[in-house]
Every structure is written in structure tokens, then in C-alpha cells.
PDB file of N, CA and C in Angstrom:
ATOM      1  N   MET A   1      57.169 114.698  24.985  1.00  0.00           N
ATOM      2  CA  MET A   1      56.613 115.528  26.061  1.00  0.00           C
ATOM      3  C   MET A   1      55.861 116.454  24.762  1.00  0.00           C
ATOM      4  N   LYS A   2      56.824 116.451  23.682  1.00  0.00           N
ATOM      5  CA  LYS A   2      56.124 117.716  22.886  1.00  0.00           C
ATOM      6  C   LYS A   2      55.414 117.427  21.842  1.00  0.00           C
ATOM      7  N   ALA A   3      54.957 115.774  21.510  1.00  0.00           N
ATOM      8  CA  ALA A   3      54.132 115.077  20.943  1.00  0.00           C
ATOM      9  C   ALA A   3      53.263 115.234  21.713  1.00  0.00           C
ATOM     10  N   LEU A   4      53.022 114.898  23.529  1.00  0.00           N
ATOM     11  CA  LEU A   4      51.665 115.134  23.781  1.00  0.00           C
ATOM     12  C   LEU A   4      51.133 116.703  23.549  1.00  0.00           C
ATOM     13  N   LYS A   5      52.031 117.747  23.236  1.00  0.00           N
ATOM     14  CA  LYS A   5      52.025 118.773  23.328  1.00  0.00           C
ATOM     15  C   LYS A   5      51.457 119.196  22.068  1.00  0.00           C
ATOM     16  N   THR A   6      51.961 118.619  21.030  1.00  0.00           N
ATOM     17  CA  THR A   6      51.353 118.632  19.539  1.00  0.00           C
ATOM     18  C   THR A   6      49.806 118.075  19.388  1.00  0.00           C
ATOM     19  N   ILE A   7      49.456 116.952  20.257  1.00  0.00           N
ATOM     20  CA  ILE A   7      48.148 116.662  20.528  1.00  0.00           C
ATOM     21  C   ILE A   7      47.348 117.126  20.639  1.00  0.00           C
ATOM     22  N   LYS A   8      47.607 117.862  21.995  1.00  0.00           N
ATOM     23  CA  LYS A   8      46.856 119.235  22.708  1.00  0.00           C
ATOM     24  C   LYS A   8      46.673 119.737  21.631  1.00  0.00           C
ATOM     25  N   ARG A   9      47.556 120.689  21.187  1.00  0.00           N
ATOM     26  CA  ARG A   9      47.130 121.458  20.194  1.00  0.00           C
ATOM     27  C   ARG A   9      46.309 121.758  18.939  1.00  0.00           C
ATOM     28  N   ILE A  10      46.521 120.260  18.211  1.00  0.00           N
ATOM     29  CA  ILE A  10      45.646 119.643  16.739  1.00  0.00           C
ATOM     30  C   ILE A  10      44.230 120.013  17.671  1.00  0.00           C
ATOM     31  N   LEU A  11      44.289 119.047  18.830  1.00  0.00           N
ATOM     32  CA  LEU A  11      42.702 118.400  19.558  1.00  0.00           C
ATOM     33  C   LEU A  11      41.926 120.083  19.863  1.00  0.00           C
ATOM     34  N   TRP A  12      42.683 120.896  20.325  1.00  0.00           N
ATOM     35  CA  TRP A  12      42.249 122.528  20.869  1.00  0.00           C
ATOM     36  C   TRP A  12      41.844 123.007  19.414  1.00  0.00           C
ATOM     37  N   GLU A  13      42.914 123.233  18.250  1.00  0.00           N
ATOM     38  CA  GLU A  13      42.413 123.742  16.933  1.00  0.00           C
ATOM     39  C   GLU A  13      41.125 123.124  16.599  1.00  0.00           C
ATOM     40  N   ILE A  14      40.959 122.016  16.317  1.00  0.00           N
ATOM     41  CA  ILE A  14      39.701 121.211  15.908  1.00  0.00           C
ATOM     42  C   ILE A  14      38.609 121.900  16.831  1.00  0.00           C
ATOM     43  N   PHE A  15      38.857 122.031  18.055  1.00  0.00           N
ATOM     44  CA  PHE A  15      37.621 122.466  18.754  1.00  0.00           C
ATOM     45  C   PHE A  15      37.508 123.396  18.510  1.00  0.00           C
ATOM     46  N   ASP A  16      38.302 124.160  18.426  1.00  0.00           N
ATOM     47  CA  ASP A  16      37.834 125.950  18.180  1.00  0.00           C
ATOM     48  C   ASP A  16      37.190 126.183  17.313  1.00  0.00           C
ATOM     49  N   PHE A  17      37.552 125.267  15.859  1.00  0.00           N
ATOM     50  CA  PHE A  17      37.369 125.567  14.394  1.00  0.00           C
ATOM     51  C   PHE A  17      35.315 124.811  14.994  1.00  0.00           C
ATOM     52  N   PHE A  18      35.061 124.211  15.215  1.00  0.00           N
ATOM     53  CA  PHE A  18      33.565 123.929  15.323  1.00  0.00           C
ATOM     54  C   PHE A  18      33.042 124.580  16.434  1.00  0.00           C
ATOM     55  N   CYS A  19      33.505 124.951  17.638  1.00  0.00           N
ATOM     56  CA  CYS A  19      33.060 125.797  18.648  1.00  0.00           C
ATOM     57  C   CYS A  19      33.985 126.910  18.852  1.00  0.00           C
ATOM     58  N   GLY A  20      34.165 127.655  17.943  1.00  0.00           N
ATOM     59  CA  GLY A  20      35.106 128.651  18.323  1.00  0.00           C
ATOM     60  C   GLY A  20      34.981 129.897  19.467  1.00  0.00           C
ATOM     61  N   ASP A  21      33.655 129.883  19.559  1.00  0.00           N
ATOM     62  CA  ASP A  21      33.101 131.104  20.241  1.00  0.00           C
ATOM     63  C   ASP A  21      32.181 130.409  21.099  1.00  0.00           C
ATOM     64  N   TRP A  22      32.768 130.550  22.538  1.00  0.00           N
ATOM     65  CA  TRP A  22      31.902 129.806  23.772  1.00  0.00           C
ATOM     66  C   TRP A  22      30.308 130.397  23.322  1.00  0.00           C
ATOM     67  N   TRP A  23      30.120 131.984  23.426  1.00  0.00           N
ATOM     68  CA  TRP A  23      28.708 132.572  23.261  1.00  0.00           C
ATOM     69  C   TRP A  23      27.785 132.031  22.426  1.00  0.00           C
ATOM     70  N   HIS A  24      28.389 131.517  21.083  1.00  0.00           N
ATOM     71  CA  HIS A  24      27.586 130.456  20.208  1.00  0.00           C
ATOM     72  C   HIS A  24      27.871 128.769  20.837  1.00  0.00           C
ATOM     73  N   LEU A  25      28.024 128.583  21.553  1.00  0.00           N
ATOM     74  CA  LEU A  25      28.214 127.036  21.698  1.00  0.00           C
ATOM     75  C   LEU A  25      27.197 127.267  22.685  1.00  0.00           C
ATOM     76  N   LEU A  26      27.025 127.831  23.939  1.00  0.00           N
ATOM     77  CA  LEU A  26      26.063 128.233  24.828  1.00  0.00           C
ATOM     78  C   LEU A  26      25.042 128.255  24.578  1.00  0.00           C
ATOM     79  N   GLY A  27      24.730 129.143  23.750  1.00  0.00           N
ATOM     80  CA  GLY A  27      23.551 129.640  22.765  1.00  0.00           C
ATOM     81  C   GLY A  27      22.590 128.173  22.396  1.00  0.00           C
ATOM     82  N   VAL A  28      23.786 127.512  21.407  1.00  0.00           N
ATOM     83  CA  VAL A  28      23.229 126.308  20.792  1.00  0.00           C
ATOM     84  C   VAL A  28      22.644 125.801  21.586  1.00  0.00           C
ATOM     85  N   ALA A  29      23.578 125.063  22.605  1.00  0.00           N
ATOM     86  CA  ALA A  29      23.295 124.238  23.924  1.00  0.00           C
ATOM     87  C   ALA A  29      22.187 124.611  24.519  1.00  0.00           C
ATOM     88  N   VAL A  30      21.887 125.906  24.608  1.00  0.00           N
ATOM     89  CA  VAL A  30      20.411 126.493  25.484  1.00  0.00           C
ATOM     90  C   VAL A  30      19.255 126.254  24.486  1.00  0.00           C
ATOM     91  N   THR A  31      19.586 126.795  23.594  1.00  0.00           N
ATOM     92  CA  THR A  31      18.231 126.383  22.785  1.00  0.00           C
ATOM     93  C   THR A  31      17.851 125.563  22.545  1.00  0.00           C
ATOM     94  N   VAL A  32      18.870 123.987  22.440  1.00  0.00           N
ATOM     95  CA  VAL A  32      18.290 122.741  22.130  1.00  0.00           C
ATOM     96  C   VAL A  32      17.947 122.162  23.448  1.00  0.00           C
ATOM     97  N   LEU A  33      18.105 122.404  24.681  1.00  0.00           N
ATOM     98  CA  LEU A  33      17.881 122.504  25.812  1.00  0.00           C
ATOM     99  C   LEU A  33      16.167 122.541  25.724  1.00  0.00           C
ATOM    100  N   ILE A  34      15.849 124.084  25.405  1.00  0.00           N
ATOM    101  CA  ILE A  34      14.836 124.638  25.499  1.00  0.00           C
ATOM    102  C   ILE A  34      13.840 123.524  24.834  1.00  0.00           C
ATOM    103  N   LEU A  35      14.216 123.598  23.364  1.00  0.00           N
ATOM    104  CA  LEU A  35      13.589 123.033  22.596  1.00  0.00           C
ATOM    105  C   LEU A  35      13.177 121.355  22.900  1.00  0.00           C
ATOM    106  N   SER A  36      14.356 120.664  23.421  1.00  0.00           N
ATOM    107  CA  SER A  36      14.264 119.597  23.873  1.00  0.00           C
ATOM    108  C   SER A  36      13.144 119.128  25.109  1.00  0.00           C
ATOM    109  N   ALA A  37      12.991 120.291  25.792  1.00  0.00           N
ATOM    110  CA  ALA A  37      12.094 120.335  27.323  1.00  0.00           C
ATOM    111  C   ALA A  37      10.938 120.745  26.607  1.00  0.00           C
ATOM    112  N   ILE A  38      10.388 121.658  25.832  1.00  0.00           N
ATOM    113  CA  ILE A  38       9.019 121.929  25.078  1.00  0.00           C
ATOM    114  C   ILE A  38       8.824 119.973  24.426  1.00  0.00           C
ATOM    115  N   ASP A  39       9.563 119.446  23.964  1.00  0.00           N
ATOM    116  CA  ASP A  39       8.822 118.334  23.297  1.00  0.00           C
ATOM    117  C   ASP A  39       8.635 117.220  24.498  1.00  0.00           C
ATOM    118  N   ARG A  40       9.281 117.258  26.107  1.00  0.00           N
ATOM    119  CA  ARG A  40       9.597 116.284  26.470  1.00  0.00           C
ATOM    120  C   ARG A  40       8.574 116.567  27.941  1.00  0.00           C
ATOM    121  N   VAL A  41       8.458 117.598  28.415  1.00  0.00           N
ATOM    122  CA  VAL A  41       7.998 118.015  30.086  1.00  0.00           C
ATOM    123  C   VAL A  41       6.469 118.254  29.061  1.00  0.00           C
ATOM    124  N   GLY A  42       5.814 117.755  30.028  1.00  0.00           N
ATOM    125  CA  GLY A  42       4.254 117.872  30.088  1.00  0.00           C
ATOM    126  C   GLY A  42       3.888 119.185  29.988  1.00  0.00           C
ATOM    127  N   PHE A  43       4.149 119.993  31.083  1.00  0.00           N
ATOM    128  CA  PHE A  43       3.124 121.047  31.084  1.00  0.00           C
ATOM    129  C   PHE A  43       3.923 122.400  29.866  1.00  0.00           C
ATOM    130  N   LEU A  44       4.791 122.124  29.481  1.00  0.00           N
ATOM    131  CA  LEU A  44       5.348 122.969  28.246  1.00  0.00           C
ATOM    132  C   LEU A  44       5.023 122.224  26.658  1.00  0.00           C
ATOM    133  N   SER A  45       3.677 121.305  27.063  1.00  0.00           N
ATOM    134  CA  SER A  45       3.421 120.838  25.422  1.00  0.00           C
ATOM    135  C   SER A  45       2.461 121.948  25.252  1.00  0.00           C
ATOM    136  N   PHE A  46       1.905 123.356  25.414  1.00  0.00           N
ATOM    137  CA  PHE A  46       1.264 124.089  25.101  1.00  0.00           C
ATOM    138  C   PHE A  46       2.185 125.194  23.974  1.00  0.00           C
ATOM    139  N   LEU A  47       3.859 124.946  24.347  1.00  0.00           N
ATOM    140  CA  LEU A  47       4.380 125.243  23.409  1.00  0.00           C
ATOM    141  C   LEU A  47       4.874 124.842  21.948  1.00  0.00           C
ATOM    142  N   ARG A  48       4.615 123.976  21.604  1.00  0.00           N
ATOM    143  CA  ARG A  48       4.875 122.938  20.935  1.00  0.00           C
ATOM    144  C   ARG A  48       4.079 123.293  19.476  1.00  0.00           C
ATOM    145  N   PRO A  49       2.860 123.823  19.361  1.00  0.00           N
ATOM    146  CA  PRO A  49       2.879 124.690  17.767  1.00  0.00           C
ATOM    147  C   PRO A  49       3.531 125.494  17.449  1.00  0.00           C
ATOM    148  N   VAL A  50       4.690 126.041  18.406  1.00  0.00           N
ATOM    149  CA  VAL A  50       5.448 127.428  17.949  1.00  0.00           C
ATOM    150  C   VAL A  50       6.806 126.676  17.686  1.00  0.00           C
ATOM    151  N   ASN A  51       7.351 125.470  17.979  1.00  0.00           N
ATOM    152  CA  ASN A  51       8.657 125.398  18.112  1.00  0.00           C
ATOM    153  C   ASN A  51       9.389 125.723  16.798  1.00  0.00           C
ATOM    154  N   PHE A  52       8.527 126.097  15.665  1.00  0.00           N
ATOM    155  CA  PHE A  52       9.217 126.162  14.489  1.00  0.00           C
ATOM    156  C   PHE A  52       9.638 127.581  14.331  1.00  0.00           C
ATOM    157  N   ILE A  53       8.650 128.511  15.119  1.00  0.00           N
ATOM    158  CA  ILE A  53       8.922 129.819  15.314  1.00  0.00           C
ATOM    159  C   ILE A  53      10.436 130.064  16.545  1.00  0.00           C
ATOM    160  N   LEU A  54      10.373 129.214  17.611  1.00  0.00           N
ATOM    161  CA  LEU A  54      11.252 129.654  18.675  1.00  0.00           C
ATOM    162  C   LEU A  54      12.781 129.391  18.042  1.00  0.00           C
ATOM    163  N   TYR A  55      13.127 128.032  17.115  1.00  0.00           N
ATOM    164  CA  TYR A  55      14.132 127.820  16.934  1.00  0.00           C
ATOM    165  C   TYR A  55      14.875 128.851  16.215  1.00  0.00           C
ATOM    166  N   PRO A  56      14.427 129.738  14.890  1.00  0.00           N
ATOM    167  CA  PRO A  56      15.107 130.603  14.275  1.00  0.00           C
ATOM    168  C   PRO A  56      15.288 131.804  15.391  1.00  0.00           C
ATOM    169  N   VAL A  57      14.099 131.849  15.847  1.00  0.00           N
ATOM    170  CA  VAL A  57      14.110 133.076  17.114  1.00  0.00           C
ATOM    171  C   VAL A  57      15.257 132.952  17.998  1.00  0.00           C
ATOM    172  N   LEU A  58      15.501 132.064  19.028  1.00  0.00           N
ATOM    173  CA  LEU A  58      16.463 131.616  20.017  1.00  0.00           C
ATOM    174  C   LEU A  58      18.199 131.405  19.124  1.00  0.00           C
ATOM    175  N   PHE A  59      18.071 131.285  17.786  1.00  0.00           N
ATOM    176  CA  PHE A  59      19.089 131.224  17.279  1.00  0.00           C
ATOM    177  C   PHE A  59      19.902 132.405  16.811  1.00  0.00           C
ATOM    178  N   GLY A  60      18.838 133.364  16.718  1.00  0.00           N
ATOM    179  CA  GLY A  60      19.190 134.654  15.965  1.00  0.00           C
ATOM    180  C   GLY A  60      19.456 135.512  17.252  1.00  0.00           C
ATOM    181  N   LEU A  61      18.905 135.347  18.611  1.00  0.00           N
ATOM    182  CA  LEU A  61      19.246 136.020  19.440  1.00  0.00           C
ATOM    183  C   LEU A  61      20.592 135.706  20.432  1.00  0.00           C
ATOM    184  N   THR A  62      21.114 134.277  20.079  1.00  0.00           N
ATOM    185  CA  THR A  62      22.316 133.659  20.107  1.00  0.00           C
ATOM    186  C   THR A  62      23.235 134.863  19.068  1.00  0.00           C
ATOM    187  N   LEU A  63      23.253 134.337  17.933  1.00  0.00           N
ATOM    188  CA  LEU A  63      24.165 135.115  17.326  1.00  0.00           C
ATOM    189  C   LEU A  63      24.105 136.885  17.285  1.00  0.00           C
ATOM    190  N   MET A  64      23.085 137.511  17.549  1.00  0.00           N
ATOM    191  CA  MET A  64      23.280 138.621  18.238  1.00  0.00           C
ATOM    192  C   MET A  64      23.756 139.163  18.980  1.00  0.00           C
ATOM    193  N   PHE A  65      23.276 138.223  20.248  1.00  0.00           N
ATOM    194  CA  PHE A  65      24.446 138.076  21.660  1.00  0.00           C
ATOM    195  C   PHE A  65      26.316 138.209  21.345  1.00  0.00           C
ATOM    196  N   ALA A  66      26.435 136.835  20.740  1.00  0.00           N
ATOM    197  CA  ALA A  66      27.840 136.679  20.003  1.00  0.00           C
ATOM    198  C   ALA A  66      28.381 137.576  18.989  1.00  0.00           C
ATOM    199  N   LEU A  67      27.388 138.121  18.622  1.00  0.00           N
ATOM    200  CA  LEU A  67      27.980 139.574  17.425  1.00  0.00           C
ATOM    201  C   LEU A  67      28.225 140.736  18.697  1.00  0.00           C
ATOM    202  N   ASN A  68      27.403 141.091  18.970  1.00  0.00           N
ATOM    203  CA  ASN A  68      27.438 142.338  20.318  1.00  0.00           C
ATOM    204  C   ASN A  68      29.015 142.168  21.179  1.00  0.00           C
ATOM    205  N   LYS A  69      29.094 140.835  21.481  1.00  0.00           N
ATOM    206  CA  LYS A  69      30.350 140.352  22.533  1.00  0.00           C
ATOM    207  C   LYS A  69      31.323 140.854  21.451  1.00  0.00           C
ATOM    208  N   ALA A  70      31.465 140.019  20.324  1.00  0.00           N
ATOM    209  CA  ALA A  70      32.661 140.342  19.405  1.00  0.00           C
ATOM    210  C   ALA A  70      32.874 141.710  19.172  1.00  0.00           C
ATOM    211  N   ALA A  71      32.108 142.433  19.053  1.00  0.00           N
ATOM    212  CA  ALA A  71      31.953 144.108  18.875  1.00  0.00           C
ATOM    213  C   ALA A  71      32.497 144.860  19.693  1.00  0.00           C
ATOM    214  N   ASP A  72      32.209 144.467  20.550  1.00  0.00           N
ATOM    215  CA  ASP A  72      33.074 145.304  22.126  1.00  0.00           C
ATOM    216  C   ASP A  72      34.314 145.195  22.386  1.00  0.00           C
ATOM    217  N   LYS A  73      34.571 143.848  22.086  1.00  0.00           N
ATOM    218  CA  LYS A  73      36.150 143.823  21.575  1.00  0.00           C
ATOM    219  C   LYS A  73      37.056 144.656  20.960  1.00  0.00           C
TER     220      LYS A  73
END
């Protein structure tokens, strides 16, 4: 039982290291979904030329939101 608990703790620490802040993880996932949708969905194709602008803007918004949440704690 202790070994299972130790393995669970190690896996959690690894997950927390890469995705420690849920707001970052959510923001990155939403950004990837939006950019994927622009590339794959026909009626959003008009946004393809501004993908290079949307990428840093969406990640910047994610960071601002996450930092704002962290500052409130």
C-alpha cells in the first residue's frame, strides 16, 4: 500500500512540475484549440494570416490571467 502511495506521489510531482498551475494548462489548451480550429475549420480560414499574432497574444493573456490569480492568493 505504501508503494502505491509513493508511486502516486511521484506521478503527481511530475505532473505538478509540468502543469503546476491549472490556469496555465487551461490557457495553453484553449490557445492550441483555437489555433487548430483556425487551421482546420473552413469559415475561420480568414484568420490564418493573423495566426502569428494570435499565438503570442493568447499566451500573453493566459499568463496575465494566471499571474492575476496568483497575486490574489
